[in-house]
Amino acid sequence: WTSLALGGEKIQEAFYIYQEMIDKHGGTAVVLNGQSVAFILQGKYPEAEAALSEALEKDPNNPETLVNLIVLSQLTGKQPEVSNRYLSQLKDMDPNHPYVTSMAQKDADFDRMCKQYAVSA
């Protein structure tokens, strides 16, 4: 994960590390999620989608897979229903997941700001 956060050439290095782990030990949902992030950061969206699909098959209850699918669906311009479906699944699976709580806070902040700046009729 550190190589992914550093960016640049380190992203490719992280991809090779994840690929080596998959080759040696098989692809777990965690490793496939890491690999998908490397693909996303390189703009290789079809490859990221394939890795996430495999991760979902291996562990349909992995919340990080759903988070990455939400991000990928938004980056690839899929219909909002797609990311909303993944978000609903995530909320049902793990209502206290940091992504879910962060989104809830942003929704509350947006609603508060709308009320604060609403034009009185």
PDB file of N, CA and C in Angstrom:
ATOM      1  N   TRP A   1       0.829  -1.196   0.000  1.00  0.00           N
ATOM      2  CA  TRP A   1       0.000   0.000   0.000  1.00  0.00           C
ATOM      3  C   TRP A   1       0.864   1.248   0.000  1.00  0.00           C
ATOM      4  N   THR A   2       2.021   1.171   0.601  1.00  0.00           N
ATOM      5  CA  THR A   2       2.895   2.338   0.648  1.00  0.00           C
ATOM      6  C   THR A   2       3.314   2.750  -0.750  1.00  0.00           C
ATOM      7  N   SER A   3       3.653   1.781  -1.585  1.00  0.00           N
ATOM      8  CA  SER A   3       4.064   2.094  -2.961  1.00  0.00           C
ATOM      9  C   SER A   3       2.921   2.748  -3.729  1.00  0.00           C
ATOM     10  N   LEU A   4       1.701   2.308  -3.476  1.00  0.00           N
ATOM     11  CA  LEU A   4       0.552   2.913  -4.149  1.00  0.00           C
ATOM     12  C   LEU A   4       0.389   4.363  -3.716  1.00  0.00           C
ATOM     13  N   ALA A   5       0.563   4.626  -2.443  1.00  0.00           N
ATOM     14  CA  ALA A   5       0.410   5.981  -1.924  1.00  0.00           C
ATOM     15  C   ALA A   5       1.498   6.919  -2.445  1.00  0.00           C
ATOM     16  N   LEU A   6       2.694   6.368  -2.681  1.00  0.00           N
ATOM     17  CA  LEU A   6       3.785   7.198  -3.180  1.00  0.00           C
ATOM     18  C   LEU A   6       3.574   7.601  -4.635  1.00  0.00           C
ATOM     19  N   GLY A   7       2.866   6.778  -5.396  1.00  0.00           N
ATOM     20  CA  GLY A   7       2.559   7.104  -6.788  1.00  0.00           C
ATOM     21  C   GLY A   7       3.741   6.936  -7.711  1.00  0.00           C
ATOM     22  N   GLY A   8       3.580   7.462  -8.915  1.00  0.00           N
ATOM     23  CA  GLY A   8       4.643   7.402  -9.916  1.00  0.00           C
ATOM     24  C   GLY A   8       5.043   5.980 -10.250  1.00  0.00           C
ATOM     25  N   GLU A   9       6.358   5.773 -10.343  1.00  0.00           N
ATOM     26  CA  GLU A   9       6.895   4.451 -10.684  1.00  0.00           C
ATOM     27  C   GLU A   9       6.566   3.406  -9.622  1.00  0.00           C
ATOM     28  N   LYS A  10       6.304   3.854  -8.413  1.00  0.00           N
ATOM     29  CA  LYS A  10       6.001   2.936  -7.312  1.00  0.00           C
ATOM     30  C   LYS A  10       4.688   2.188  -7.545  1.00  0.00           C
ATOM     31  N   ILE A  11       3.795   2.764  -8.336  1.00  0.00           N
ATOM     32  CA  ILE A  11       2.517   2.098  -8.631  1.00  0.00           C
ATOM     33  C   ILE A  11       2.785   0.810  -9.401  1.00  0.00           C
ATOM     34  N   GLN A  12       3.649   0.893 -10.407  1.00  0.00           N
ATOM     35  CA  GLN A  12       3.999  -0.291 -11.191  1.00  0.00           C
ATOM     36  C   GLN A  12       4.707  -1.309 -10.311  1.00  0.00           C
ATOM     37  N   GLU A  13       5.554  -0.836  -9.430  1.00  0.00           N
ATOM     38  CA  GLU A  13       6.251  -1.725  -8.505  1.00  0.00           C
ATOM     39  C   GLU A  13       5.235  -2.456  -7.608  1.00  0.00           C
ATOM     40  N   ALA A  14       4.233  -1.727  -7.130  1.00  0.00           N
ATOM     41  CA  ALA A  14       3.186  -2.343  -6.300  1.00  0.00           C
ATOM     42  C   ALA A  14       2.424  -3.395  -7.102  1.00  0.00           C
ATOM     43  N   PHE A  15       2.126  -3.087  -8.362  1.00  0.00           N
ATOM     44  CA  PHE A  15       1.435  -4.062  -9.205  1.00  0.00           C
ATOM     45  C   PHE A  15       2.232  -5.356  -9.277  1.00  0.00           C
ATOM     46  N   TYR A  16       3.550  -5.241  -9.511  1.00  0.00           N
ATOM     47  CA  TYR A  16       4.386  -6.441  -9.614  1.00  0.00           C
ATOM     48  C   TYR A  16       4.395  -7.233  -8.301  1.00  0.00           C
ATOM     49  N   ILE A  17       4.383  -6.531  -7.193  1.00  0.00           N
ATOM     50  CA  ILE A  17       4.351  -7.210  -5.894  1.00  0.00           C
ATOM     51  C   ILE A  17       3.042  -7.982  -5.744  1.00  0.00           C
ATOM     52  N   TYR A  18       1.933  -7.326  -6.074  1.00  0.00           N
ATOM     53  CA  TYR A  18       0.636  -8.010  -5.981  1.00  0.00           C
ATOM     54  C   TYR A  18       0.571  -9.191  -6.935  1.00  0.00           C
ATOM     55  N   GLN A  19       1.089  -9.023  -8.154  1.00  0.00           N
ATOM     56  CA  GLN A  19       1.064 -10.106  -9.122  1.00  0.00           C
ATOM     57  C   GLN A  19       1.900 -11.290  -8.643  1.00  0.00           C
ATOM     58  N   GLU A  20       3.036 -10.990  -8.049  1.00  0.00           N
ATOM     59  CA  GLU A  20       3.889 -12.054  -7.518  1.00  0.00           C
ATOM     60  C   GLU A  20       3.173 -12.811  -6.395  1.00  0.00           C
ATOM     61  N   MET A  21       2.466 -12.083  -5.541  1.00  0.00           N
ATOM     62  CA  MET A  21       1.723 -12.726  -4.457  1.00  0.00           C
ATOM     63  C   MET A  21       0.622 -13.623  -5.020  1.00  0.00           C
ATOM     64  N   ILE A  22      -0.043 -13.155  -6.064  1.00  0.00           N
ATOM     65  CA  ILE A  22      -1.096 -13.949  -6.699  1.00  0.00           C
ATOM     66  C   ILE A  22      -0.496 -15.207  -7.315  1.00  0.00           C
ATOM     67  N   ASP A  23       0.631 -15.049  -8.006  1.00  0.00           N
ATOM     68  CA  ASP A  23       1.276 -16.194  -8.643  1.00  0.00           C
ATOM     69  C   ASP A  23       1.741 -17.237  -7.629  1.00  0.00           C
ATOM     70  N   LYS A  24       2.254 -16.786  -6.506  1.00  0.00           N
ATOM     71  CA  LYS A  24       2.799 -17.713  -5.502  1.00  0.00           C
ATOM     72  C   LYS A  24       1.727 -18.316  -4.604  1.00  0.00           C
ATOM     73  N   HIS A  25       0.760 -17.483  -4.193  1.00  0.00           N
ATOM     74  CA  HIS A  25      -0.177 -17.917  -3.163  1.00  0.00           C
ATOM     75  C   HIS A  25      -1.637 -17.933  -3.613  1.00  0.00           C
ATOM     76  N   GLY A  26      -1.894 -17.536  -4.830  1.00  0.00           N
ATOM     77  CA  GLY A  26      -3.275 -17.435  -5.297  1.00  0.00           C
ATOM     78  C   GLY A  26      -3.851 -16.086  -4.923  1.00  0.00           C
ATOM     79  N   GLY A  27      -4.901 -15.734  -5.608  1.00  0.00           N
ATOM     80  CA  GLY A  27      -5.494 -14.425  -5.390  1.00  0.00           C
ATOM     81  C   GLY A  27      -6.549 -14.441  -4.302  1.00  0.00           C
ATOM     82  N   THR A  28      -6.265 -13.776  -3.196  1.00  0.00           N
ATOM     83  CA  THR A  28      -7.280 -13.573  -2.169  1.00  0.00           C
ATOM     84  C   THR A  28      -7.985 -12.252  -2.472  1.00  0.00           C
ATOM     85  N   ALA A  29      -9.102 -12.030  -1.829  1.00  0.00           N
ATOM     86  CA  ALA A  29      -9.828 -10.780  -2.045  1.00  0.00           C
ATOM     87  C   ALA A  29      -8.970  -9.574  -1.682  1.00  0.00           C
ATOM     88  N   VAL A  30      -8.203  -9.696  -0.608  1.00  0.00           N
ATOM     89  CA  VAL A  30      -7.362  -8.581  -0.169  1.00  0.00           C
ATOM     90  C   VAL A  30      -6.295  -8.262  -1.216  1.00  0.00           C
ATOM     91  N   VAL A  31      -5.623  -9.284  -1.706  1.00  0.00           N
ATOM     92  CA  VAL A  31      -4.570  -9.077  -2.699  1.00  0.00           C
ATOM     93  C   VAL A  31      -5.160  -8.556  -4.014  1.00  0.00           C
ATOM     94  N   LEU A  32      -6.278  -9.117  -4.423  1.00  0.00           N
ATOM     95  CA  LEU A  32      -6.913  -8.659  -5.666  1.00  0.00           C
ATOM     96  C   LEU A  32      -7.400  -7.216  -5.551  1.00  0.00           C
ATOM     97  N   ASN A  33      -7.834  -6.815  -4.369  1.00  0.00           N
ATOM     98  CA  ASN A  33      -8.208  -5.419  -4.159  1.00  0.00           C
ATOM     99  C   ASN A  33      -6.995  -4.510  -4.292  1.00  0.00           C
ATOM    100  N   GLY A  34      -5.875  -4.918  -3.716  1.00  0.00           N
ATOM    101  CA  GLY A  34      -4.656  -4.134  -3.858  1.00  0.00           C
ATOM    102  C   GLY A  34      -4.235  -4.012  -5.309  1.00  0.00           C
ATOM    103  N   GLN A  35      -4.314  -5.122  -6.013  1.00  0.00           N
ATOM    104  CA  GLN A  35      -3.963  -5.098  -7.434  1.00  0.00           C
ATOM    105  C   GLN A  35      -4.917  -4.192  -8.213  1.00  0.00           C
ATOM    106  N   SER A  36      -6.197  -4.232  -7.860  1.00  0.00           N
ATOM    107  CA  SER A  36      -7.169  -3.388  -8.571  1.00  0.00           C
ATOM    108  C   SER A  36      -6.871  -1.910  -8.354  1.00  0.00           C
ATOM    109  N   VAL A  37      -6.426  -1.542  -7.154  1.00  0.00           N
ATOM    110  CA  VAL A  37      -6.069  -0.148  -6.893  1.00  0.00           C
ATOM    111  C   VAL A  37      -4.876   0.253  -7.758  1.00  0.00           C
ATOM    112  N   ALA A  38      -3.905  -0.642  -7.901  1.00  0.00           N
ATOM    113  CA  ALA A  38      -2.765  -0.352  -8.779  1.00  0.00           C
ATOM    114  C   ALA A  38      -3.247  -0.135 -10.210  1.00  0.00           C
ATOM    115  N   PHE A  39      -4.164  -0.975 -10.659  1.00  0.00           N
ATOM    116  CA  PHE A  39      -4.725  -0.801 -12.008  1.00  0.00           C
ATOM    117  C   PHE A  39      -5.460   0.535 -12.127  1.00  0.00           C
ATOM    118  N   ILE A  40      -6.273   0.867 -11.139  1.00  0.00           N
ATOM    119  CA  ILE A  40      -7.032   2.125 -11.182  1.00  0.00           C
ATOM    120  C   ILE A  40      -6.081   3.313 -11.266  1.00  0.00           C
ATOM    121  N   LEU A  41      -5.043   3.304 -10.452  1.00  0.00           N
ATOM    122  CA  LEU A  41      -4.091   4.417 -10.451  1.00  0.00           C
ATOM    123  C   LEU A  41      -3.322   4.528 -11.764  1.00  0.00           C
ATOM    124  N   GLN A  42      -3.252   3.430 -12.517  1.00  0.00           N
ATOM    125  CA  GLN A  42      -2.605   3.454 -13.832  1.00  0.00           C
ATOM    126  C   GLN A  42      -3.601   3.736 -14.952  1.00  0.00           C
ATOM    127  N   GLY A  43      -4.887   3.888 -14.593  1.00  0.00           N
ATOM    128  CA  GLY A  43      -5.910   4.121 -15.604  1.00  0.00           C
ATOM    129  C   GLY A  43      -6.303   2.875 -16.367  1.00  0.00           C
ATOM    130  N   LYS A  44      -5.959   1.716 -15.848  1.00  0.00           N
ATOM    131  CA  LYS A  44      -6.284   0.437 -16.500  1.00  0.00           C
ATOM    132  C   LYS A  44      -7.596  -0.093 -15.910  1.00  0.00           C
ATOM    133  N   TYR A  45      -8.682   0.562 -16.283  1.00  0.00           N
ATOM    134  CA  TYR A  45      -9.975   0.265 -15.680  1.00  0.00           C
ATOM    135  C   TYR A  45     -10.525  -1.120 -16.010  1.00  0.00           C
ATOM    136  N   PRO A  46     -10.404  -1.607 -17.243  1.00  0.00           N
ATOM    137  CA  PRO A  46     -10.906  -2.967 -17.507  1.00  0.00           C
ATOM    138  C   PRO A  46     -10.183  -4.026 -16.659  1.00  0.00           C
ATOM    139  N   GLU A  47      -8.872  -3.859 -16.483  1.00  0.00           N
ATOM    140  CA  GLU A  47      -8.112  -4.800 -15.669  1.00  0.00           C
ATOM    141  C   GLU A  47      -8.535  -4.701 -14.204  1.00  0.00           C
ATOM    142  N   ALA A  48      -8.788  -3.481 -13.747  1.00  0.00           N
ATOM    143  CA  ALA A  48      -9.250  -3.288 -12.363  1.00  0.00           C
ATOM    144  C   ALA A  48     -10.596  -3.958 -12.166  1.00  0.00           C
ATOM    145  N   GLU A  49     -11.478  -3.809 -13.141  1.00  0.00           N
ATOM    146  CA  GLU A  49     -12.803  -4.426 -13.035  1.00  0.00           C
ATOM    147  C   GLU A  49     -12.698  -5.948 -12.988  1.00  0.00           C
ATOM    148  N   ALA A  50     -11.808  -6.509 -13.790  1.00  0.00           N
ATOM    149  CA  ALA A  50     -11.613  -7.966 -13.786  1.00  0.00           C
ATOM    150  C   ALA A  50     -11.088  -8.440 -12.426  1.00  0.00           C
ATOM    151  N   ALA A  51     -10.126  -7.714 -11.862  1.00  0.00           N
ATOM    152  CA  ALA A  51      -9.582  -8.093 -10.555  1.00  0.00           C
ATOM    153  C   ALA A  51     -10.656  -7.988  -9.473  1.00  0.00           C
ATOM    154  N   LEU A  52     -11.486  -6.946  -9.543  1.00  0.00           N
ATOM    155  CA  LEU A  52     -12.544  -6.783  -8.549  1.00  0.00           C
ATOM    156  C   LEU A  52     -13.637  -7.833  -8.707  1.00  0.00           C
ATOM    157  N   SER A  53     -13.935  -8.213  -9.924  1.00  0.00           N
ATOM    158  CA  SER A  53     -14.913  -9.280 -10.147  1.00  0.00           C
ATOM    159  C   SER A  53     -14.418 -10.584  -9.530  1.00  0.00           C
ATOM    160  N   GLU A  54     -13.131 -10.855  -9.719  1.00  0.00           N
ATOM    161  CA  GLU A  54     -12.553 -12.067  -9.133  1.00  0.00           C
ATOM    162  C   GLU A  54     -12.561 -11.982  -7.605  1.00  0.00           C
ATOM    163  N   ALA A  55     -12.258 -10.807  -7.065  1.00  0.00           N
ATOM    164  CA  ALA A  55     -12.273 -10.616  -5.610  1.00  0.00           C
ATOM    165  C   ALA A  55     -13.674 -10.836  -5.054  1.00  0.00           C
ATOM    166  N   LEU A  56     -14.672 -10.356  -5.781  1.00  0.00           N
ATOM    167  CA  LEU A  56     -16.065 -10.513  -5.353  1.00  0.00           C
ATOM    168  C   LEU A  56     -16.471 -11.982  -5.368  1.00  0.00           C
ATOM    169  N   GLU A  57     -15.993 -12.724  -6.365  1.00  0.00           N
ATOM    170  CA  GLU A  57     -16.267 -14.167  -6.423  1.00  0.00           C
ATOM    171  C   GLU A  57     -15.619 -14.895  -5.239  1.00  0.00           C
ATOM    172  N   LYS A  58     -14.385 -14.497  -4.908  1.00  0.00           N
ATOM    173  CA  LYS A  58     -13.655 -15.169  -3.824  1.00  0.00           C
ATOM    174  C   LYS A  58     -14.254 -14.860  -2.453  1.00  0.00           C
ATOM    175  N   ASP A  59     -14.685 -13.612  -2.277  1.00  0.00           N
ATOM    176  CA  ASP A  59     -15.235 -13.199  -0.985  1.00  0.00           C
ATOM    177  C   ASP A  59     -16.315 -12.144  -1.209  1.00  0.00           C
ATOM    178  N   PRO A  60     -17.562 -12.583  -1.379  1.00  0.00           N
ATOM    179  CA  PRO A  60     -18.643 -11.632  -1.649  1.00  0.00           C
ATOM    180  C   PRO A  60     -18.956 -10.723  -0.458  1.00  0.00           C
ATOM    181  N   ASN A  61     -18.365 -11.001   0.705  1.00  0.00           N
ATOM    182  CA  ASN A  61     -18.622 -10.189   1.892  1.00  0.00           C
ATOM    183  C   ASN A  61     -17.460  -9.272   2.246  1.00  0.00           C
ATOM    184  N   ASN A  62     -16.585  -9.000   1.291  1.00  0.00           N
ATOM    185  CA  ASN A  62     -15.457  -8.113   1.543  1.00  0.00           C
ATOM    186  C   ASN A  62     -15.883  -6.678   1.235  1.00  0.00           C
ATOM    187  N   PRO A  63     -15.995  -5.828   2.262  1.00  0.00           N
ATOM    188  CA  PRO A  63     -16.469  -4.469   2.027  1.00  0.00           C
ATOM    189  C   PRO A  63     -15.521  -3.637   1.163  1.00  0.00           C
ATOM    190  N   GLU A  64     -14.229  -3.913   1.228  1.00  0.00           N
ATOM    191  CA  GLU A  64     -13.278  -3.132   0.431  1.00  0.00           C
ATOM    192  C   GLU A  64     -13.490  -3.354  -1.070  1.00  0.00           C
ATOM    193  N   THR A  65     -13.924  -4.543  -1.434  1.00  0.00           N
ATOM    194  CA  THR A  65     -14.229  -4.805  -2.840  1.00  0.00           C
ATOM    195  C   THR A  65     -15.365  -3.905  -3.295  1.00  0.00           C
ATOM    196  N   LEU A  66     -16.388  -3.782  -2.458  1.00  0.00           N
ATOM    197  CA  LEU A  66     -17.520  -2.917  -2.813  1.00  0.00           C
ATOM    198  C   LEU A  66     -17.095  -1.453  -2.902  1.00  0.00           C
ATOM    199  N   VAL A  67     -16.250  -1.008  -1.984  1.00  0.00           N
ATOM    200  CA  VAL A  67     -15.767   0.379  -2.038  1.00  0.00           C
ATOM    201  C   VAL A  67     -15.012   0.613  -3.344  1.00  0.00           C
ATOM    202  N   ASN A  68     -14.136  -0.315  -3.697  1.00  0.00           N
ATOM    203  CA  ASN A  68     -13.374  -0.158  -4.935  1.00  0.00           C
ATOM    204  C   ASN A  68     -14.276  -0.219  -6.164  1.00  0.00           C
ATOM    205  N   LEU A  69     -15.329  -1.034  -6.109  1.00  0.00           N
ATOM    206  CA  LEU A  69     -16.284  -1.078  -7.224  1.00  0.00           C
ATOM    207  C   LEU A  69     -17.054   0.234  -7.334  1.00  0.00           C
ATOM    208  N   ILE A  70     -17.372   0.858  -6.210  1.00  0.00           N
ATOM    209  CA  ILE A  70     -18.040   2.166  -6.228  1.00  0.00           C
ATOM    210  C   ILE A  70     -17.138   3.183  -6.919  1.00  0.00           C
ATOM    211  N   VAL A  71     -15.889   3.237  -6.484  1.00  0.00           N
ATOM    212  CA  VAL A  71     -14.935   4.185  -7.064  1.00  0.00           C
ATOM    213  C   VAL A  71     -14.756   3.928  -8.552  1.00  0.00           C
ATOM    214  N   LEU A  72     -14.572   2.673  -8.919  1.00  0.00           N
ATOM    215  CA  LEU A  72     -14.357   2.330 -10.321  1.00  0.00           C
ATOM    216  C   LEU A  72     -15.570   2.682 -11.174  1.00  0.00           C
ATOM    217  N   SER A  73     -16.760   2.421 -10.672  1.00  0.00           N
ATOM    218  CA  SER A  73     -17.964   2.734 -11.462  1.00  0.00           C
ATOM    219  C   SER A  73     -18.096   4.234 -11.679  1.00  0.00           C
ATOM    220  N   GLN A  74     -17.675   5.030 -10.713  1.00  0.00           N
ATOM    221  CA  GLN A  74     -17.720   6.480 -10.892  1.00  0.00           C
ATOM    222  C   GLN A  74     -16.641   6.947 -11.862  1.00  0.00           C
ATOM    223  N   LEU A  75     -15.450   6.375 -11.773  1.00  0.00           N
ATOM    224  CA  LEU A  75     -14.362   6.759 -12.674  1.00  0.00           C
ATOM    225  C   LEU A  75     -14.650   6.391 -14.123  1.00  0.00           C
ATOM    226  N   THR A  76     -15.380   5.307 -14.317  1.00  0.00           N
ATOM    227  CA  THR A  76     -15.651   4.848 -15.678  1.00  0.00           C
ATOM    228  C   THR A  76     -16.953   5.413 -16.240  1.00  0.00           C
ATOM    229  N   GLY A  77     -17.629   6.249 -15.459  1.00  0.00           N
ATOM    230  CA  GLY A  77     -18.830   6.914 -15.955  1.00  0.00           C
ATOM    231  C   GLY A  77     -20.047   6.019 -16.075  1.00  0.00           C
ATOM    232  N   LYS A  78     -20.099   4.975 -15.269  1.00  0.00           N
ATOM    233  CA  LYS A  78     -21.264   4.096 -15.303  1.00  0.00           C
ATOM    234  C   LYS A  78     -22.471   4.838 -14.727  1.00  0.00           C
ATOM    235  N   GLN A  79     -23.640   4.322 -15.029  1.00  0.00           N
ATOM    236  CA  GLN A  79     -24.868   4.927 -14.530  1.00  0.00           C
ATOM    237  C   GLN A  79     -24.833   5.003 -13.003  1.00  0.00           C
ATOM    238  N   PRO A  80     -25.395   6.056 -12.415  1.00  0.00           N
ATOM    239  CA  PRO A  80     -25.397   6.188 -10.951  1.00  0.00           C
ATOM    240  C   PRO A  80     -26.017   4.992 -10.234  1.00  0.00           C
ATOM    241  N   GLU A  81     -26.934   4.304 -10.908  1.00  0.00           N
ATOM    242  CA  GLU A  81     -27.576   3.145 -10.285  1.00  0.00           C
ATOM    243  C   GLU A  81     -26.561   2.061  -9.933  1.00  0.00           C
ATOM    244  N   VAL A  82     -25.505   1.974 -10.722  1.00  0.00           N
ATOM    245  CA  VAL A  82     -24.489   0.949 -10.485  1.00  0.00           C
ATOM    246  C   VAL A  82     -23.785   1.213  -9.155  1.00  0.00           C
ATOM    247  N   SER A  83     -23.250   2.417  -8.989  1.00  0.00           N
ATOM    248  CA  SER A  83     -22.560   2.719  -7.730  1.00  0.00           C
ATOM    249  C   SER A  83     -23.535   2.754  -6.562  1.00  0.00           C
ATOM    250  N   ASN A  84     -24.770   3.188  -6.799  1.00  0.00           N
ATOM    251  CA  ASN A  84     -25.779   3.183  -5.727  1.00  0.00           C
ATOM    252  C   ASN A  84     -26.085   1.762  -5.264  1.00  0.00           C
ATOM    253  N   ARG A  85     -26.105   0.810  -6.204  1.00  0.00           N
ATOM    254  CA  ARG A  85     -26.341  -0.592  -5.835  1.00  0.00           C
ATOM    255  C   ARG A  85     -25.210  -1.115  -4.952  1.00  0.00           C
ATOM    256  N   TYR A  86     -23.967  -0.808  -5.347  1.00  0.00           N
ATOM    257  CA  TYR A  86     -22.823  -1.236  -4.534  1.00  0.00           C
ATOM    258  C   TYR A  86     -22.860  -0.570  -3.158  1.00  0.00           C
ATOM    259  N   LEU A  87     -23.231   0.708  -3.123  1.00  0.00           N
ATOM    260  CA  LEU A  87     -23.305   1.418  -1.847  1.00  0.00           C
ATOM    261  C   LEU A  87     -24.385   0.821  -0.956  1.00  0.00           C
ATOM    262  N   SER A  88     -25.508   0.453  -1.522  1.00  0.00           N
ATOM    263  CA  SER A  88     -26.575  -0.194  -0.742  1.00  0.00           C
ATOM    264  C   SER A  88     -26.092  -1.512  -0.156  1.00  0.00           C
ATOM    265  N   GLN A  89     -25.393  -2.282  -0.974  1.00  0.00           N
ATOM    266  CA  GLN A  89     -24.844  -3.560  -0.494  1.00  0.00           C
ATOM    267  C   GLN A  89     -23.864  -3.316   0.654  1.00  0.00           C
ATOM    268  N   LEU A  90     -23.027  -2.302   0.502  1.00  0.00           N
ATOM    269  CA  LEU A  90     -22.041  -1.989   1.533  1.00  0.00           C
ATOM    270  C   LEU A  90     -22.734  -1.559   2.827  1.00  0.00           C
ATOM    271  N   LYS A  91     -23.751  -0.719   2.707  1.00  0.00           N
ATOM    272  CA  LYS A  91     -24.493  -0.274   3.895  1.00  0.00           C
ATOM    273  C   LYS A  91     -25.148  -1.450   4.607  1.00  0.00           C
ATOM    274  N   ASP A  92     -25.704  -2.380   3.833  1.00  0.00           N
ATOM    275  CA  ASP A  92     -26.335  -3.564   4.434  1.00  0.00           C
ATOM    276  C   ASP A  92     -25.294  -4.455   5.110  1.00  0.00           C
ATOM    277  N   MET A  93     -24.139  -4.591   4.472  1.00  0.00           N
ATOM    278  CA  MET A  93     -23.096  -5.485   4.954  1.00  0.00           C
ATOM    279  C   MET A  93     -22.367  -4.908   6.172  1.00  0.00           C
ATOM    280  N   ASP A  94     -22.042  -3.623   6.097  1.00  0.00           N
ATOM    281  CA  ASP A  94     -21.220  -3.009   7.146  1.00  0.00           C
ATOM    282  C   ASP A  94     -21.622  -1.545   7.317  1.00  0.00           C
ATOM    283  N   PRO A  95     -22.711  -1.295   8.046  1.00  0.00           N
ATOM    284  CA  PRO A  95     -23.199   0.084   8.188  1.00  0.00           C
ATOM    285  C   PRO A  95     -22.217   1.025   8.881  1.00  0.00           C
ATOM    286  N   ASN A  96     -21.219   0.486   9.570  1.00  0.00           N
ATOM    287  CA  ASN A  96     -20.235   1.321  10.253  1.00  0.00           C
ATOM    288  C   ASN A  96     -18.904   1.411   9.514  1.00  0.00           C
ATOM    289  N   HIS A  97     -18.883   0.941   8.276  1.00  0.00           N
ATOM    290  CA  HIS A  97     -17.650   1.018   7.483  1.00  0.00           C
ATOM    291  C   HIS A  97     -17.267   2.495   7.322  1.00  0.00           C
ATOM    292  N   PRO A  98     -15.980   2.808   7.372  1.00  0.00           N
ATOM    293  CA  PRO A  98     -15.551   4.210   7.254  1.00  0.00           C
ATOM    294  C   PRO A  98     -16.076   4.913   6.000  1.00  0.00           C
ATOM    295  N   TYR A  99     -16.181   4.206   4.892  1.00  0.00           N
ATOM    296  CA  TYR A  99     -16.711   4.832   3.670  1.00  0.00           C
ATOM    297  C   TYR A  99     -18.174   5.224   3.863  1.00  0.00           C
ATOM    298  N   VAL A 100     -18.947   4.342   4.481  1.00  0.00           N
ATOM    299  CA  VAL A 100     -20.371   4.599   4.708  1.00  0.00           C
ATOM    300  C   VAL A 100     -20.541   5.769   5.672  1.00  0.00           C
ATOM    301  N   THR A 101     -19.791   5.765   6.767  1.00  0.00           N
ATOM    302  CA  THR A 101     -19.941   6.852   7.738  1.00  0.00           C
ATOM    303  C   THR A 101     -19.464   8.183   7.161  1.00  0.00           C
ATOM    304  N   SER A 102     -18.422   8.141   6.340  1.00  0.00           N
ATOM    305  CA  SER A 102     -17.938   9.363   5.688  1.00  0.00           C
ATOM    306  C   SER A 102     -18.988   9.920   4.721  1.00  0.00           C
ATOM    307  N   MET A 103     -19.606   9.039   3.962  1.00  0.00           N
ATOM    308  CA  MET A 103     -20.661   9.480   3.028  1.00  0.00           C
ATOM    309  C   MET A 103     -21.853  10.054   3.798  1.00  0.00           C
ATOM    310  N   ALA A 104     -22.220   9.431   4.899  1.00  0.00           N
ATOM    311  CA  ALA A 104     -23.339   9.920   5.704  1.00  0.00           C
ATOM    312  C   ALA A 104     -23.027  11.308   6.254  1.00  0.00           C
ATOM    313  N   GLN A 105     -21.794  11.507   6.689  1.00  0.00           N
ATOM    314  CA  GLN A 105     -21.392  12.821   7.202  1.00  0.00           C
ATOM    315  C   GLN A 105     -21.428  13.875   6.107  1.00  0.00           C
ATOM    316  N   LYS A 106     -20.971  13.516   4.924  1.00  0.00           N
ATOM    317  CA  LYS A 106     -20.996  14.462   3.796  1.00  0.00           C
ATOM    318  C   LYS A 106     -22.433  14.804   3.399  1.00  0.00           C
ATOM    319  N   ASP A 107     -23.319  13.811   3.422  1.00  0.00           N
ATOM    320  CA  ASP A 107     -24.737  14.067   3.148  1.00  0.00           C
ATOM    321  C   ASP A 107     -25.319  15.030   4.176  1.00  0.00           C
ATOM    322  N   ALA A 108     -25.011  14.797   5.438  1.00  0.00           N
ATOM    323  CA  ALA A 108     -25.513  15.665   6.507  1.00  0.00           C
ATOM    324  C   ALA A 108     -24.951  17.080   6.358  1.00  0.00           C
ATOM    325  N   ASP A 109     -23.665  17.191   6.037  1.00  0.00           N
ATOM    326  CA  ASP A 109     -23.052  18.509   5.823  1.00  0.00           C
ATOM    327  C   ASP A 109     -23.705  19.233   4.656  1.00  0.00           C
ATOM    328  N   PHE A 110     -23.965  18.512   3.582  1.00  0.00           N
ATOM    329  CA  PHE A 110     -24.600  19.116   2.413  1.00  0.00           C
ATOM    330  C   PHE A 110     -26.000  19.616   2.758  1.00  0.00           C
ATOM    331  N   ASP A 111     -26.773  18.787   3.451  1.00  0.00           N
ATOM    332  CA  ASP A 111     -28.123  19.189   3.847  1.00  0.00           C
ATOM    333  C   ASP A 111     -28.087  20.422   4.748  1.00  0.00           C
ATOM    334  N   ARG A 112     -27.152  20.442   5.686  1.00  0.00           N
ATOM    335  CA  ARG A 112     -27.010  21.597   6.596  1.00  0.00           C
ATOM    336  C   ARG A 112     -26.678  22.859   5.802  1.00  0.00           C
ATOM    337  N   MET A 113     -25.776  22.751   4.852  1.00  0.00           N
ATOM    338  CA  MET A 113     -25.390  23.917   4.049  1.00  0.00           C
ATOM    339  C   MET A 113     -26.552  24.394   3.175  1.00  0.00           C
ATOM    340  N   CYS A 114     -27.316  23.451   2.639  1.00  0.00           N
ATOM    341  CA  CYS A 114     -28.468  23.829   1.833  1.00  0.00           C
ATOM    342  C   CYS A 114     -29.465  24.633   2.665  1.00  0.00           C
ATOM    343  N   LYS A 115     -29.694  24.194   3.886  1.00  0.00           N
ATOM    344  CA  LYS A 115     -30.604  24.917   4.770  1.00  0.00           C
ATOM    345  C   LYS A 115     -30.045  26.277   5.156  1.00  0.00           C
ATOM    346  N   GLN A 116     -28.745  26.308   5.384  1.00  0.00           N
ATOM    347  CA  GLN A 116     -28.085  27.544   5.802  1.00  0.00           C
ATOM    348  C   GLN A 116     -28.164  28.613   4.718  1.00  0.00           C
ATOM    349  N   TYR A 117     -28.045  28.209   3.467  1.00  0.00           N
ATOM    350  CA  TYR A 117     -28.014  29.177   2.372  1.00  0.00           C
ATOM    351  C   TYR A 117     -29.300  29.199   1.543  1.00  0.00           C
ATOM    352  N   ALA A 118     -30.331  28.532   2.039  1.00  0.00           N
ATOM    353  CA  ALA A 118     -31.592  28.514   1.303  1.00  0.00           C
ATOM    354  C   ALA A 118     -32.204  29.909   1.300  1.00  0.00           C
ATOM    355  N   VAL A 119     -32.820  30.225   0.184  1.00  0.00           N
ATOM    356  CA  VAL A 119     -33.500  31.516   0.054  1.00  0.00           C
ATOM    357  C   VAL A 119     -34.863  31.386   0.734  1.00  0.00           C
ATOM    358  N   SER A 120     -35.140  32.305   1.637  1.00  0.00           N
ATOM    359  CA  SER A 120     -36.435  32.276   2.313  1.00  0.00           C
ATOM    360  C   SER A 120     -37.491  32.839   1.392  1.00  0.00           C
ATOM    361  N   ALA A 121     -38.628  32.177   1.364  1.00  0.00           N
ATOM    362  CA  ALA A 121     -39.700  32.639   0.466  1.00  0.00           C
ATOM    363  C   ALA A 121     -40.700  33.480   1.200  1.00  0.00           C
TER     364      ALA A 121
END
